Amino acid sequence: MSMNKSDQAYKTIGEVVEILDLKTRSGNKTSTHTIRYWEKEFKQIKPKILSGNRRYYNKSNVDLLKKIKYLLKEQGMTINGVKKILNKGHSNHLDEISNKSIRADNLRNKISNISKIIKDLKNLK
């Protein structure tokens, strides 16, 4: 199968697993079945299926999978919860949520560092 220039933007399912850094609970790399499962559950993911049933994912597919992974794995949402968000088309709002939660984590780290410094200073007396 020859890929033309525009097809190089597409990733194989194996590459997508690498990009998303999907791991099982035991910390091993997951097989591609997680992505296949999400693809069945979330109709918004539409890979290009080419010869021999090989799947190719474009950038918007990969970005969508990143959001799904973030909501399921980081936020601990259910498949149905994520479906509701995706079906309402709040994906821009999602970008904000993920950016905000990253900022909130940074802020929490700063606060705990500051309180540690204050405690250390008290101990110096």
PDB file of N, CA and C in Angstrom:
ATOM      1  N   MET A   1       0.844  -1.194   0.000  1.00  0.00           N
ATOM      2  CA  MET A   1       0.000   0.000   0.000  1.00  0.00           C
ATOM      3  C   MET A   1       0.879   1.244   0.000  1.00  0.00           C
ATOM      4  N   SER A   2       0.741   2.081  -0.998  1.00  0.00           N
ATOM      5  CA  SER A   2       1.582   3.278  -1.009  1.00  0.00           C
ATOM      6  C   SER A   2       0.833   4.437  -0.372  1.00  0.00           C
ATOM      7  N   MET A   3       1.525   5.106   0.509  1.00  0.00           N
ATOM      8  CA  MET A   3       0.937   6.255   1.201  1.00  0.00           C
ATOM      9  C   MET A   3       1.311   7.512   0.429  1.00  0.00           C
ATOM     10  N   ASN A   4       0.349   8.359   0.126  1.00  0.00           N
ATOM     11  CA  ASN A   4       0.742   9.641  -0.461  1.00  0.00           C
ATOM     12  C   ASN A   4       0.950  10.668   0.654  1.00  0.00           C
ATOM     13  N   LYS A   5       1.392  11.849   0.270  1.00  0.00           N
ATOM     14  CA  LYS A   5       1.756  12.875   1.266  1.00  0.00           C
ATOM     15  C   LYS A   5       0.654  13.101   2.307  1.00  0.00           C
ATOM     16  N   SER A   6      -0.591  13.255   1.838  1.00  0.00           N
ATOM     17  CA  SER A   6      -1.653  13.603   2.782  1.00  0.00           C
ATOM     18  C   SER A   6      -1.916  12.471   3.769  1.00  0.00           C
ATOM     19  N   ASP A   7      -1.584  11.244   3.371  1.00  0.00           N
ATOM     20  CA  ASP A   7      -1.826  10.118   4.274  1.00  0.00           C
ATOM     21  C   ASP A   7      -0.789  10.024   5.385  1.00  0.00           C
ATOM     22  N   GLN A   8       0.314  10.739   5.235  1.00  0.00           N
ATOM     23  CA  GLN A   8       1.346  10.643   6.272  1.00  0.00           C
ATOM     24  C   GLN A   8       0.893  11.270   7.579  1.00  0.00           C
ATOM     25  N   ALA A   9      -0.160  12.087   7.488  1.00  0.00           N
ATOM     26  CA  ALA A   9      -0.718  12.671   8.710  1.00  0.00           C
ATOM     27  C   ALA A   9      -1.436  11.597   9.523  1.00  0.00           C
ATOM     28  N   TYR A  10      -1.730  10.460   8.901  1.00  0.00           N
ATOM     29  CA  TYR A  10      -2.460   9.399   9.588  1.00  0.00           C
ATOM     30  C   TYR A  10      -1.526   8.527  10.410  1.00  0.00           C
ATOM     31  N   LYS A  11      -2.041   8.083  11.552  1.00  0.00           N
ATOM     32  CA  LYS A  11      -1.270   7.203  12.433  1.00  0.00           C
ATOM     33  C   LYS A  11      -1.928   5.826  12.467  1.00  0.00           C
ATOM     34  N   THR A  12      -1.100   4.795  12.600  1.00  0.00           N
ATOM     35  CA  THR A  12      -1.658   3.453  12.776  1.00  0.00           C
ATOM     36  C   THR A  12      -2.146   3.323  14.217  1.00  0.00           C
ATOM     37  N   ILE A  13      -2.945   2.311  14.477  1.00  0.00           N
ATOM     38  CA  ILE A  13      -3.483   2.115  15.825  1.00  0.00           C
ATOM     39  C   ILE A  13      -2.344   1.883  16.828  1.00  0.00           C
ATOM     40  N   GLY A  14      -1.283   1.207  16.387  1.00  0.00           N
ATOM     41  CA  GLY A  14      -0.134   0.990  17.266  1.00  0.00           C
ATOM     42  C   GLY A  14       0.550   2.298  17.637  1.00  0.00           C
ATOM     43  N   GLU A  15       0.669   3.189  16.650  1.00  0.00           N
ATOM     44  CA  GLU A  15       1.279   4.503  16.918  1.00  0.00           C
ATOM     45  C   GLU A  15       0.411   5.303  17.879  1.00  0.00           C
ATOM     46  N   VAL A  16      -0.910   5.151  17.742  1.00  0.00           N
ATOM     47  CA  VAL A  16      -1.817   5.887  18.626  1.00  0.00           C
ATOM     48  C   VAL A  16      -1.659   5.423  20.076  1.00  0.00           C
ATOM     49  N   VAL A  17      -1.500   4.104  20.269  1.00  0.00           N
ATOM     50  CA  VAL A  17      -1.258   3.584  21.624  1.00  0.00           C
ATOM     51  C   VAL A  17       0.004   4.235  22.211  1.00  0.00           C
ATOM     52  N   GLU A  18       1.048   4.360  21.367  1.00  0.00           N
ATOM     53  CA  GLU A  18       2.297   4.996  21.810  1.00  0.00           C
ATOM     54  C   GLU A  18       2.062   6.465  22.170  1.00  0.00           C
ATOM     55  N   ILE A  19       1.366   7.185  21.273  1.00  0.00           N
ATOM     56  CA  ILE A  19       1.129   8.620  21.480  1.00  0.00           C
ATOM     57  C   ILE A  19       0.354   8.846  22.782  1.00  0.00           C
ATOM     58  N   LEU A  20      -0.672   8.023  23.002  1.00  0.00           N
ATOM     59  CA  LEU A  20      -1.512   8.200  24.189  1.00  0.00           C
ATOM     60  C   LEU A  20      -0.842   7.637  25.434  1.00  0.00           C
ATOM     61  N   ASP A  21       0.235   6.883  25.240  1.00  0.00           N
ATOM     62  CA  ASP A  21       0.935   6.248  26.353  1.00  0.00           C
ATOM     63  C   ASP A  21      -0.052   5.434  27.199  1.00  0.00           C
ATOM     64  N   LEU A  22      -0.842   4.621  26.525  1.00  0.00           N
ATOM     65  CA  LEU A  22      -1.851   3.812  27.226  1.00  0.00           C
ATOM     66  C   LEU A  22      -1.177   2.667  27.964  1.00  0.00           C
ATOM     67  N   LYS A  23      -1.483   2.546  29.237  1.00  0.00           N
ATOM     68  CA  LYS A  23      -0.902   1.462  30.028  1.00  0.00           C
ATOM     69  C   LYS A  23      -2.003   0.716  30.763  1.00  0.00           C
ATOM     70  N   THR A  24      -1.741  -0.549  31.040  1.00  0.00           N
ATOM     71  CA  THR A  24      -2.681  -1.324  31.849  1.00  0.00           C
ATOM     72  C   THR A  24      -2.418  -0.999  33.318  1.00  0.00           C
ATOM     73  N   ARG A  25      -3.288  -1.512  34.188  1.00  0.00           N
ATOM     74  CA  ARG A  25      -3.104  -1.264  35.632  1.00  0.00           C
ATOM     75  C   ARG A  25      -1.735  -1.734  36.110  1.00  0.00           C
ATOM     76  N   SER A  26      -1.247  -2.819  35.496  1.00  0.00           N
ATOM     77  CA  SER A  26       0.046  -3.356  35.935  1.00  0.00           C
ATOM     78  C   SER A  26       1.211  -2.549  35.348  1.00  0.00           C
ATOM     79  N   GLY A  27       0.852  -1.516  34.566  1.00  0.00           N
ATOM     80  CA  GLY A  27       1.904  -0.638  34.055  1.00  0.00           C
ATOM     81  C   GLY A  27       2.486  -1.056  32.720  1.00  0.00           C
ATOM     82  N   ASN A  28       1.964  -2.145  32.132  1.00  0.00           N
ATOM     83  CA  ASN A  28       2.440  -2.534  30.802  1.00  0.00           C
ATOM     84  C   ASN A  28       1.720  -1.720  29.741  1.00  0.00           C
ATOM     85  N   LYS A  29       2.338  -1.619  28.589  1.00  0.00           N
ATOM     86  CA  LYS A  29       1.660  -0.977  27.454  1.00  0.00           C
ATOM     87  C   LYS A  29       0.419  -1.797  27.111  1.00  0.00           C
ATOM     88  N   THR A  30      -0.694  -1.115  26.854  1.00  0.00           N
ATOM     89  CA  THR A  30      -1.892  -1.874  26.502  1.00  0.00           C
ATOM     90  C   THR A  30      -1.810  -2.263  25.036  1.00  0.00           C
ATOM     91  N   SER A  31      -2.574  -3.279  24.698  1.00  0.00           N
ATOM     92  CA  SER A  31      -2.686  -3.633  23.295  1.00  0.00           C
ATOM     93  C   SER A  31      -3.654  -2.653  22.658  1.00  0.00           C
ATOM     94  N   THR A  32      -3.916  -2.850  21.398  1.00  0.00           N
ATOM     95  CA  THR A  32      -4.765  -1.896  20.687  1.00  0.00           C
ATOM     96  C   THR A  32      -6.249  -2.072  21.021  1.00  0.00           C
ATOM     97  N   HIS A  33      -6.596  -3.085  21.838  1.00  0.00           N
ATOM     98  CA  HIS A  33      -8.030  -3.328  22.020  1.00  0.00           C
ATOM     99  C   HIS A  33      -8.728  -2.195  22.763  1.00  0.00           C
ATOM    100  N   THR A  34      -7.989  -1.466  23.612  1.00  0.00           N
ATOM    101  CA  THR A  34      -8.596  -0.323  24.319  1.00  0.00           C
ATOM    102  C   THR A  34      -9.117   0.695  23.311  1.00  0.00           C
ATOM    103  N   ILE A  35      -8.281   0.999  22.333  1.00  0.00           N
ATOM    104  CA  ILE A  35      -8.673   1.987  21.334  1.00  0.00           C
ATOM    105  C   ILE A  35      -9.826   1.462  20.482  1.00  0.00           C
ATOM    106  N   ARG A  36      -9.777   0.185  20.132  1.00  0.00           N
ATOM    107  CA  ARG A  36     -10.888  -0.402  19.361  1.00  0.00           C
ATOM    108  C   ARG A  36     -12.184  -0.324  20.151  1.00  0.00           C
ATOM    109  N   TYR A  37     -12.078  -0.566  21.459  1.00  0.00           N
ATOM    110  CA  TYR A  37     -13.256  -0.505  22.327  1.00  0.00           C
ATOM    111  C   TYR A  37     -13.808   0.921  22.368  1.00  0.00           C
ATOM    112  N   TRP A  38     -12.916   1.900  22.593  1.00  0.00           N
ATOM    113  CA  TRP A  38     -13.360   3.299  22.636  1.00  0.00           C
ATOM    114  C   TRP A  38     -14.004   3.683  21.307  1.00  0.00           C
ATOM    115  N   GLU A  39     -13.428   3.165  20.228  1.00  0.00           N
ATOM    116  CA  GLU A  39     -13.939   3.478  18.899  1.00  0.00           C
ATOM    117  C   GLU A  39     -15.373   2.973  18.734  1.00  0.00           C
ATOM    118  N   LYS A  40     -15.650   1.781  19.297  1.00  0.00           N
ATOM    119  CA  LYS A  40     -17.024   1.255  19.254  1.00  0.00           C
ATOM    120  C   LYS A  40     -17.954   2.118  20.102  1.00  0.00           C
ATOM    121  N   GLU A  41     -17.452   2.546  21.265  1.00  0.00           N
ATOM    122  CA  GLU A  41     -18.281   3.291  22.210  1.00  0.00           C
ATOM    123  C   GLU A  41     -18.529   4.734  21.760  1.00  0.00           C
ATOM    124  N   PHE A  42     -17.516   5.348  21.180  1.00  0.00           N
ATOM    125  CA  PHE A  42     -17.621   6.773  20.840  1.00  0.00           C
ATOM    126  C   PHE A  42     -17.668   6.917  19.325  1.00  0.00           C
ATOM    127  N   LYS A  43     -18.862   7.220  18.823  1.00  0.00           N
ATOM    128  CA  LYS A  43     -19.022   7.243  17.367  1.00  0.00           C
ATOM    129  C   LYS A  43     -18.286   8.420  16.729  1.00  0.00           C
ATOM    130  N   GLN A  44     -17.818   9.359  17.556  1.00  0.00           N
ATOM    131  CA  GLN A  44     -17.077  10.498  17.004  1.00  0.00           C
ATOM    132  C   GLN A  44     -15.708  10.088  16.454  1.00  0.00           C
ATOM    133  N   ILE A  45     -15.195   8.943  16.906  1.00  0.00           N
ATOM    134  CA  ILE A  45     -13.885   8.493  16.426  1.00  0.00           C
ATOM    135  C   ILE A  45     -14.099   7.753  15.113  1.00  0.00           C
ATOM    136  N   LYS A  46     -13.613   8.323  14.047  1.00  0.00           N
ATOM    137  CA  LYS A  46     -13.824   7.697  12.736  1.00  0.00           C
ATOM    138  C   LYS A  46     -12.494   7.505  12.034  1.00  0.00           C
ATOM    139  N   PRO A  47     -11.799   6.403  12.309  1.00  0.00           N
ATOM    140  CA  PRO A  47     -10.547   6.174  11.592  1.00  0.00           C
ATOM    141  C   PRO A  47     -10.836   5.839  10.137  1.00  0.00           C
ATOM    142  N   LYS A  48      -9.837   6.056   9.323  1.00  0.00           N
ATOM    143  CA  LYS A  48      -9.934   5.644   7.925  1.00  0.00           C
ATOM    144  C   LYS A  48      -9.589   4.153   7.915  1.00  0.00           C
ATOM    145  N   ILE A  49     -10.477   3.335   7.383  1.00  0.00           N
ATOM    146  CA  ILE A  49     -10.183   1.894   7.350  1.00  0.00           C
ATOM    147  C   ILE A  49      -9.763   1.540   5.934  1.00  0.00           C
ATOM    148  N   LEU A  50      -8.521   1.124   5.793  1.00  0.00           N
ATOM    149  CA  LEU A  50      -7.981   0.852   4.472  1.00  0.00           C
ATOM    150  C   LEU A  50      -7.796  -0.639   4.276  1.00  0.00           C
ATOM    151  N   SER A  51      -7.103  -0.990   3.209  1.00  0.00           N
ATOM    152  CA  SER A  51      -6.959  -2.391   2.808  1.00  0.00           C
ATOM    153  C   SER A  51      -6.625  -3.285   3.998  1.00  0.00           C
ATOM    154  N   GLY A  52      -7.259  -4.448   4.019  1.00  0.00           N
ATOM    155  CA  GLY A  52      -6.955  -5.407   5.075  1.00  0.00           C
ATOM    156  C   GLY A  52      -7.402  -4.934   6.434  1.00  0.00           C
ATOM    157  N   ASN A  53      -8.412  -4.046   6.450  1.00  0.00           N
ATOM    158  CA  ASN A  53      -9.002  -3.611   7.715  1.00  0.00           C
ATOM    159  C   ASN A  53      -8.037  -2.822   8.598  1.00  0.00           C
ATOM    160  N   ARG A  54      -6.982  -2.273   8.009  1.00  0.00           N
ATOM    161  CA  ARG A  54      -6.051  -1.494   8.825  1.00  0.00           C
ATOM    162  C   ARG A  54      -6.637  -0.116   9.090  1.00  0.00           C
ATOM    163  N   ARG A  55      -6.496   0.305  10.338  1.00  0.00           N
ATOM    164  CA  ARG A  55      -7.078   1.585  10.730  1.00  0.00           C
ATOM    165  C   ARG A  55      -6.023   2.676  10.704  1.00  0.00           C
ATOM    166  N   TYR A  56      -6.434   3.841  10.225  1.00  0.00           N
ATOM    167  CA  TYR A  56      -5.545   5.009  10.235  1.00  0.00           C
ATOM    168  C   TYR A  56      -6.285   6.168  10.873  1.00  0.00           C
ATOM    169  N   TYR A  57      -5.616   6.813  11.818  1.00  0.00           N
ATOM    170  CA  TYR A  57      -6.241   7.875  12.606  1.00  0.00           C
ATOM    171  C   TYR A  57      -5.619   9.211  12.228  1.00  0.00           C
ATOM    172  N   ASN A  58      -6.475  10.202  11.953  1.00  0.00           N
ATOM    173  CA  ASN A  58      -5.927  11.529  11.659  1.00  0.00           C
ATOM    174  C   ASN A  58      -5.778  12.319  12.957  1.00  0.00           C
ATOM    175  N   LYS A  59      -5.299  13.558  12.837  1.00  0.00           N
ATOM    176  CA  LYS A  59      -4.997  14.346  14.027  1.00  0.00           C
ATOM    177  C   LYS A  59      -6.242  14.566  14.884  1.00  0.00           C
ATOM    178  N   SER A  60      -7.395  14.823  14.252  1.00  0.00           N
ATOM    179  CA  SER A  60      -8.575  15.100  15.074  1.00  0.00           C
ATOM    180  C   SER A  60      -9.027  13.838  15.812  1.00  0.00           C
ATOM    181  N   ASN A  61      -8.842  12.661  15.196  1.00  0.00           N
ATOM    182  CA  ASN A  61      -9.117  11.400  15.899  1.00  0.00           C
ATOM    183  C   ASN A  61      -8.205  11.256  17.116  1.00  0.00           C
ATOM    184  N   VAL A  62      -6.919  11.549  16.903  1.00  0.00           N
ATOM    185  CA  VAL A  62      -5.940  11.382  17.984  1.00  0.00           C
ATOM    186  C   VAL A  62      -6.239  12.367  19.113  1.00  0.00           C
ATOM    187  N   ASP A  63      -6.582  13.614  18.747  1.00  0.00           N
ATOM    188  CA  ASP A  63      -6.917  14.609  19.774  1.00  0.00           C
ATOM    189  C   ASP A  63      -8.140  14.178  20.579  1.00  0.00           C
ATOM    190  N   LEU A  64      -9.121  13.619  19.870  1.00  0.00           N
ATOM    191  CA  LEU A  64     -10.330  13.149  20.530  1.00  0.00           C
ATOM    192  C   LEU A  64     -10.000  12.004  21.488  1.00  0.00           C
ATOM    193  N   LEU A  65      -9.146  11.079  21.027  1.00  0.00           N
ATOM    194  CA  LEU A  65      -8.749   9.961  21.888  1.00  0.00           C
ATOM    195  C   LEU A  65      -7.993  10.458  23.115  1.00  0.00           C
ATOM    196  N   LYS A  66      -7.198  11.527  22.943  1.00  0.00           N
ATOM    197  CA  LYS A  66      -6.483  12.109  24.095  1.00  0.00           C
ATOM    198  C   LYS A  66      -7.478  12.629  25.117  1.00  0.00           C
ATOM    199  N   LYS A  67      -8.535  13.288  24.641  1.00  0.00           N
ATOM    200  CA  LYS A  67      -9.563  13.812  25.558  1.00  0.00           C
ATOM    201  C   LYS A  67     -10.259  12.673  26.273  1.00  0.00           C
ATOM    202  N   ILE A  68     -10.607  11.630  25.507  1.00  0.00           N
ATOM    203  CA  ILE A  68     -11.302  10.482  26.102  1.00  0.00           C
ATOM    204  C   ILE A  68     -10.423   9.839  27.167  1.00  0.00           C
ATOM    205  N   LYS A  69      -9.152   9.665  26.848  1.00  0.00           N
ATOM    206  CA  LYS A  69      -8.231   9.071  27.822  1.00  0.00           C
ATOM    207  C   LYS A  69      -8.156   9.949  29.070  1.00  0.00           C
ATOM    208  N   TYR A  70      -8.048  11.270  28.856  1.00  0.00           N
ATOM    209  CA  TYR A  70      -7.947  12.205  29.975  1.00  0.00           C
ATOM    210  C   TYR A  70      -9.176  12.090  30.883  1.00  0.00           C
ATOM    211  N   LEU A  71     -10.366  12.084  30.286  1.00  0.00           N
ATOM    212  CA  LEU A  71     -11.598  12.046  31.088  1.00  0.00           C
ATOM    213  C   LEU A  71     -11.764  10.708  31.800  1.00  0.00           C
ATOM    214  N   LEU A  72     -11.441   9.615  31.117  1.00  0.00           N
ATOM    215  CA  LEU A  72     -11.618   8.294  31.721  1.00  0.00           C
ATOM    216  C   LEU A  72     -10.554   8.013  32.761  1.00  0.00           C
ATOM    217  N   LYS A  73      -9.291   8.273  32.389  1.00  0.00           N
ATOM    218  CA  LYS A  73      -8.178   7.840  33.239  1.00  0.00           C
ATOM    219  C   LYS A  73      -7.816   8.878  34.299  1.00  0.00           C
ATOM    220  N   GLU A  74      -7.734  10.165  33.895  1.00  0.00           N
ATOM    221  CA  GLU A  74      -7.302  11.192  34.857  1.00  0.00           C
ATOM    222  C   GLU A  74      -8.474  11.653  35.718  1.00  0.00           C
ATOM    223  N   GLN A  75      -9.636  11.852  35.074  1.00  0.00           N
ATOM    224  CA  GLN A  75     -10.793  12.384  35.804  1.00  0.00           C
ATOM    225  C   GLN A  75     -11.664  11.274  36.385  1.00  0.00           C
ATOM    226  N   GLY A  76     -11.373  10.032  35.995  1.00  0.00           N
ATOM    227  CA  GLY A  76     -12.132   8.904  36.533  1.00  0.00           C
ATOM    228  C   GLY A  76     -13.603   8.887  36.120  1.00  0.00           C
ATOM    229  N   MET A  77     -13.902   9.467  34.960  1.00  0.00           N
ATOM    230  CA  MET A  77     -15.285   9.464  34.498  1.00  0.00           C
ATOM    231  C   MET A  77     -15.660   8.102  33.923  1.00  0.00           C
ATOM    232  N   THR A  78     -16.969   7.864  33.823  1.00  0.00           N
ATOM    233  CA  THR A  78     -17.452   6.638  33.194  1.00  0.00           C
ATOM    234  C   THR A  78     -17.549   6.862  31.688  1.00  0.00           C
ATOM    235  N   ILE A  79     -17.645   5.754  30.958  1.00  0.00           N
ATOM    236  CA  ILE A  79     -17.844   5.827  29.505  1.00  0.00           C
ATOM    237  C   ILE A  79     -19.089   6.665  29.204  1.00  0.00           C
ATOM    238  N   ASN A  80     -20.171   6.414  29.954  1.00  0.00           N
ATOM    239  CA  ASN A  80     -21.405   7.161  29.700  1.00  0.00           C
ATOM    240  C   ASN A  80     -21.256   8.648  29.987  1.00  0.00           C
ATOM    241  N   GLY A  81     -20.507   8.966  31.040  1.00  0.00           N
ATOM    242  CA  GLY A  81     -20.263  10.371  31.367  1.00  0.00           C
ATOM    243  C   GLY A  81     -19.526  11.066  30.233  1.00  0.00           C
ATOM    244  N   VAL A  82     -18.522  10.375  29.704  1.00  0.00           N
ATOM    245  CA  VAL A  82     -17.731  10.954  28.612  1.00  0.00           C
ATOM    246  C   VAL A  82     -18.601  11.088  27.360  1.00  0.00           C
ATOM    247  N   LYS A  83     -19.449  10.071  27.108  1.00  0.00           N
ATOM    248  CA  LYS A  83     -20.356  10.125  25.951  1.00  0.00           C
ATOM    249  C   LYS A  83     -21.220  11.369  26.018  1.00  0.00           C
ATOM    250  N   LYS A  84     -21.770  11.645  27.212  1.00  0.00           N
ATOM    251  CA  LYS A  84     -22.648  12.806  27.364  1.00  0.00           C
ATOM    252  C   LYS A  84     -21.909  14.072  26.977  1.00  0.00           C
ATOM    253  N   ILE A  85     -20.684  14.206  27.475  1.00  0.00           N
ATOM    254  CA  ILE A  85     -19.902  15.406  27.171  1.00  0.00           C
ATOM    255  C   ILE A  85     -19.637  15.501  25.670  1.00  0.00           C
ATOM    256  N   LEU A  86     -19.220  14.393  25.066  1.00  0.00           N
ATOM    257  CA  LEU A  86     -18.894  14.420  23.634  1.00  0.00           C
ATOM    258  C   LEU A  86     -20.142  14.659  22.789  1.00  0.00           C
ATOM    259  N   ASN A  87     -21.270  14.075  23.195  1.00  0.00           N
ATOM    260  CA  ASN A  87     -22.488  14.240  22.416  1.00  0.00           C
ATOM    261  C   ASN A  87     -23.011  15.662  22.472  1.00  0.00           C
ATOM    262  N   LYS A  88     -22.735  16.343  23.572  1.00  0.00           N
ATOM    263  CA  LYS A  88     -23.164  17.736  23.665  1.00  0.00           C
ATOM    264  C   LYS A  88     -22.227  18.638  22.885  1.00  0.00           C
ATOM    265  N   GLY A  89     -21.114  18.077  22.431  1.00  0.00           N
ATOM    266  CA  GLY A  89     -20.183  18.868  21.639  1.00  0.00           C
ATOM    267  C   GLY A  89     -19.460  19.919  22.463  1.00  0.00           C
ATOM    268  N   HIS A  90     -19.201  19.613  23.730  1.00  0.00           N
ATOM    269  CA  HIS A  90     -18.489  20.571  24.580  1.00  0.00           C
ATOM    270  C   HIS A  90     -16.993  20.378  24.495  1.00  0.00           C
ATOM    271  N   SER A  91     -16.492  19.989  23.329  1.00  0.00           N
ATOM    272  CA  SER A  91     -15.081  19.614  23.322  1.00  0.00           C
ATOM    273  C   SER A  91     -14.177  20.822  23.555  1.00  0.00           C
ATOM    274  N   ASN A  92     -14.622  22.025  23.156  1.00  0.00           N
ATOM    275  CA  ASN A  92     -13.796  23.214  23.438  1.00  0.00           C
ATOM    276  C   ASN A  92     -13.735  23.452  24.930  1.00  0.00           C
ATOM    277  N   HIS A  93     -14.889  23.264  25.556  1.00  0.00           N
ATOM    278  CA  HIS A  93     -14.971  23.392  26.996  1.00  0.00           C
ATOM    279  C   HIS A  93     -14.023  22.385  27.657  1.00  0.00           C
ATOM    280  N   LEU A  94     -13.913  21.202  27.053  1.00  0.00           N
ATOM    281  CA  LEU A  94     -13.016  20.168  27.573  1.00  0.00           C
ATOM    282  C   LEU A  94     -11.570  20.630  27.586  1.00  0.00           C
ATOM    283  N   ASP A  95     -11.163  21.316  26.500  1.00  0.00           N
ATOM    284  CA  ASP A  95      -9.789  21.815  26.453  1.00  0.00           C
ATOM    285  C   ASP A  95      -9.559  22.734  27.632  1.00  0.00           C
ATOM    286  N   GLU A  96     -10.554  23.584  27.916  1.00  0.00           N
ATOM    287  CA  GLU A  96     -10.433  24.492  29.060  1.00  0.00           C
ATOM    288  C   GLU A  96     -10.319  23.706  30.353  1.00  0.00           C
ATOM    289  N   ILE A  97     -11.193  22.706  30.509  1.00  0.00           N
ATOM    290  CA  ILE A  97     -11.164  21.906  31.746  1.00  0.00           C
ATOM    291  C   ILE A  97      -9.784  21.287  31.933  1.00  0.00           C
ATOM    292  N   SER A  98      -9.249  20.673  30.855  1.00  0.00           N
ATOM    293  CA  SER A  98      -7.971  19.993  31.042  1.00  0.00           C
ATOM    294  C   SER A  98      -6.868  21.009  31.319  1.00  0.00           C
ATOM    295  N   ASN A  99      -6.919  22.177  30.678  1.00  0.00           N
ATOM    296  CA  ASN A  99      -5.912  23.201  30.967  1.00  0.00           C
ATOM    297  C   ASN A  99      -6.058  23.715  32.392  1.00  0.00           C
ATOM    298  N   LYS A 100      -7.317  23.937  32.815  1.00  0.00           N
ATOM    299  CA  LYS A 100      -7.548  24.441  34.171  1.00  0.00           C
ATOM    300  C   LYS A 100      -7.068  23.454  35.208  1.00  0.00           C
ATOM    301  N   SER A 101      -7.336  22.158  34.965  1.00  0.00           N
ATOM    302  CA  SER A 101      -6.963  21.204  35.997  1.00  0.00           C
ATOM    303  C   SER A 101      -5.444  21.098  36.081  1.00  0.00           C
ATOM    304  N   ILE A 102      -4.771  21.290  34.949  1.00  0.00           N
ATOM    305  CA  ILE A 102      -3.310  21.299  34.982  1.00  0.00           C
ATOM    306  C   ILE A 102      -2.841  22.517  35.781  1.00  0.00           C
ATOM    307  N   ARG A 103      -3.483  23.669  35.525  1.00  0.00           N
ATOM    308  CA  ARG A 103      -3.120  24.881  36.275  1.00  0.00           C
ATOM    309  C   ARG A 103      -3.396  24.710  37.763  1.00  0.00           C
ATOM    310  N   ALA A 104      -4.544  24.080  38.079  1.00  0.00           N
ATOM    311  CA  ALA A 104      -4.902  23.877  39.486  1.00  0.00           C
ATOM    312  C   ALA A 104      -3.861  22.999  40.172  1.00  0.00           C
ATOM    313  N   ASP A 105      -3.409  21.954  39.472  1.00  0.00           N
ATOM    314  CA  ASP A 105      -2.372  21.091  40.039  1.00  0.00           C
ATOM    315  C   ASP A 105      -1.104  21.885  40.300  1.00  0.00           C
ATOM    316  N   ASN A 106      -0.729  22.734  39.337  1.00  0.00           N
ATOM    317  CA  ASN A 106       0.474  23.545  39.512  1.00  0.00           C
ATOM    318  C   ASN A 106       0.328  24.446  40.728  1.00  0.00           C
ATOM    319  N   LEU A 107      -0.858  25.033  40.865  1.00  0.00           N
ATOM    320  CA  LEU A 107      -1.118  25.927  41.990  1.00  0.00           C
ATOM    321  C   LEU A 107      -1.035  25.162  43.310  1.00  0.00           C
ATOM    322  N   ARG A 108      -1.658  23.967  43.338  1.00  0.00           N
ATOM    323  CA  ARG A 108      -1.602  23.159  44.565  1.00  0.00           C
ATOM    324  C   ARG A 108      -0.156  22.828  44.930  1.00  0.00           C
ATOM    325  N   ASN A 109       0.651  22.492  43.912  1.00  0.00           N
ATOM    326  CA  ASN A 109       2.062  22.192  44.181  1.00  0.00           C
ATOM    327  C   ASN A 109       2.770  23.411  44.749  1.00  0.00           C
ATOM    328  N   LYS A 110       2.500  24.596  44.151  1.00  0.00           N
ATOM    329  CA  LYS A 110       3.141  25.816  44.644  1.00  0.00           C
ATOM    330  C   LYS A 110       2.761  26.071  46.095  1.00  0.00           C
ATOM    331  N   ILE A 111       1.456  25.922  46.392  1.00  0.00           N
ATOM    332  CA  ILE A 111       0.985  26.184  47.754  1.00  0.00           C
ATOM    333  C   ILE A 111       1.648  25.227  48.733  1.00  0.00           C
ATOM    334  N   SER A 112       1.725  23.954  48.360  1.00  0.00           N
ATOM    335  CA  SER A 112       2.318  23.014  49.312  1.00  0.00           C
ATOM    336  C   SER A 112       3.819  23.276  49.458  1.00  0.00           C
ATOM    337  N   ASN A 113       4.470  23.743  48.374  1.00  0.00           N
ATOM    338  CA  ASN A 113       5.885  24.120  48.491  1.00  0.00           C
ATOM    339  C   ASN A 113       6.052  25.307  49.420  1.00  0.00           C
ATOM    340  N   ILE A 114       5.168  26.307  49.289  1.00  0.00           N
ATOM    341  CA  ILE A 114       5.254  27.495  50.134  1.00  0.00           C
ATOM    342  C   ILE A 114       5.052  27.116  51.598  1.00  0.00           C
ATOM    343  N   SER A 115       4.033  26.267  51.845  1.00  0.00           N
ATOM    344  CA  SER A 115       3.784  25.915  53.248  1.00  0.00           C
ATOM    345  C   SER A 115       4.951  25.115  53.821  1.00  0.00           C
ATOM    346  N   LYS A 116       5.608  24.325  52.964  1.00  0.00           N
ATOM    347  CA  LYS A 116       6.777  23.575  53.410  1.00  0.00           C
ATOM    348  C   LYS A 116       7.908  24.544  53.770  1.00  0.00           C
ATOM    349  N   ILE A 117       8.109  25.557  52.934  1.00  0.00           N
ATOM    350  CA  ILE A 117       9.167  26.551  53.182  1.00  0.00           C
ATOM    351  C   ILE A 117       8.892  27.270  54.501  1.00  0.00           C
ATOM    352  N   ILE A 118       7.612  27.647  54.730  1.00  0.00           N
ATOM    353  CA  ILE A 118       7.252  28.343  55.976  1.00  0.00           C
ATOM    354  C   ILE A 118       7.556  27.449  57.174  1.00  0.00           C
ATOM    355  N   LYS A 119       7.191  26.150  57.039  1.00  0.00           N
ATOM    356  CA  LYS A 119       7.449  25.218  58.142  1.00  0.00           C
ATOM    357  C   LYS A 119       8.960  25.118  58.400  1.00  0.00           C
ATOM    358  N   ASP A 120       9.726  25.005  57.313  1.00  0.00           N
ATOM    359  CA  ASP A 120      11.192  24.926  57.448  1.00  0.00           C
ATOM    360  C   ASP A 120      11.741  26.167  58.122  1.00  0.00           C
ATOM    361  N   LEU A 121      11.198  27.328  57.769  1.00  0.00           N
ATOM    362  CA  LEU A 121      11.678  28.576  58.369  1.00  0.00           C
ATOM    363  C   LEU A 121      11.394  28.593  59.868  1.00  0.00           C
ATOM    364  N   LYS A 122      10.197  28.129  60.238  1.00  0.00           N
ATOM    365  CA  LYS A 122       9.834  28.071  61.667  1.00  0.00           C
ATOM    366  C   LYS A 122      10.812  27.186  62.419  1.00  0.00           C
ATOM    367  N   ASN A 123      11.184  26.071  61.762  1.00  0.00           N
ATOM    368  CA  ASN A 123      12.093  25.125  62.425  1.00  0.00           C
ATOM    369  C   ASN A 123      13.508  25.687  62.587  1.00  0.00           C
ATOM    370  N   LEU A 124      13.820  26.709  61.776  1.00  0.00           N
ATOM    371  CA  LEU A 124      15.170  27.281  61.849  1.00  0.00           C
ATOM    372  C   LEU A 124      15.387  28.101  63.123  1.00  0.00           C
ATOM    373  N   LYS A 125      14.295  28.613  63.682  1.00  0.00           N
ATOM    374  CA  LYS A 125      14.438  29.503  64.841  1.00  0.00           C
ATOM    375  C   LYS A 125      15.173  28.848  66.003  1.00  0.00           C
TER     376      LYS A 125
END
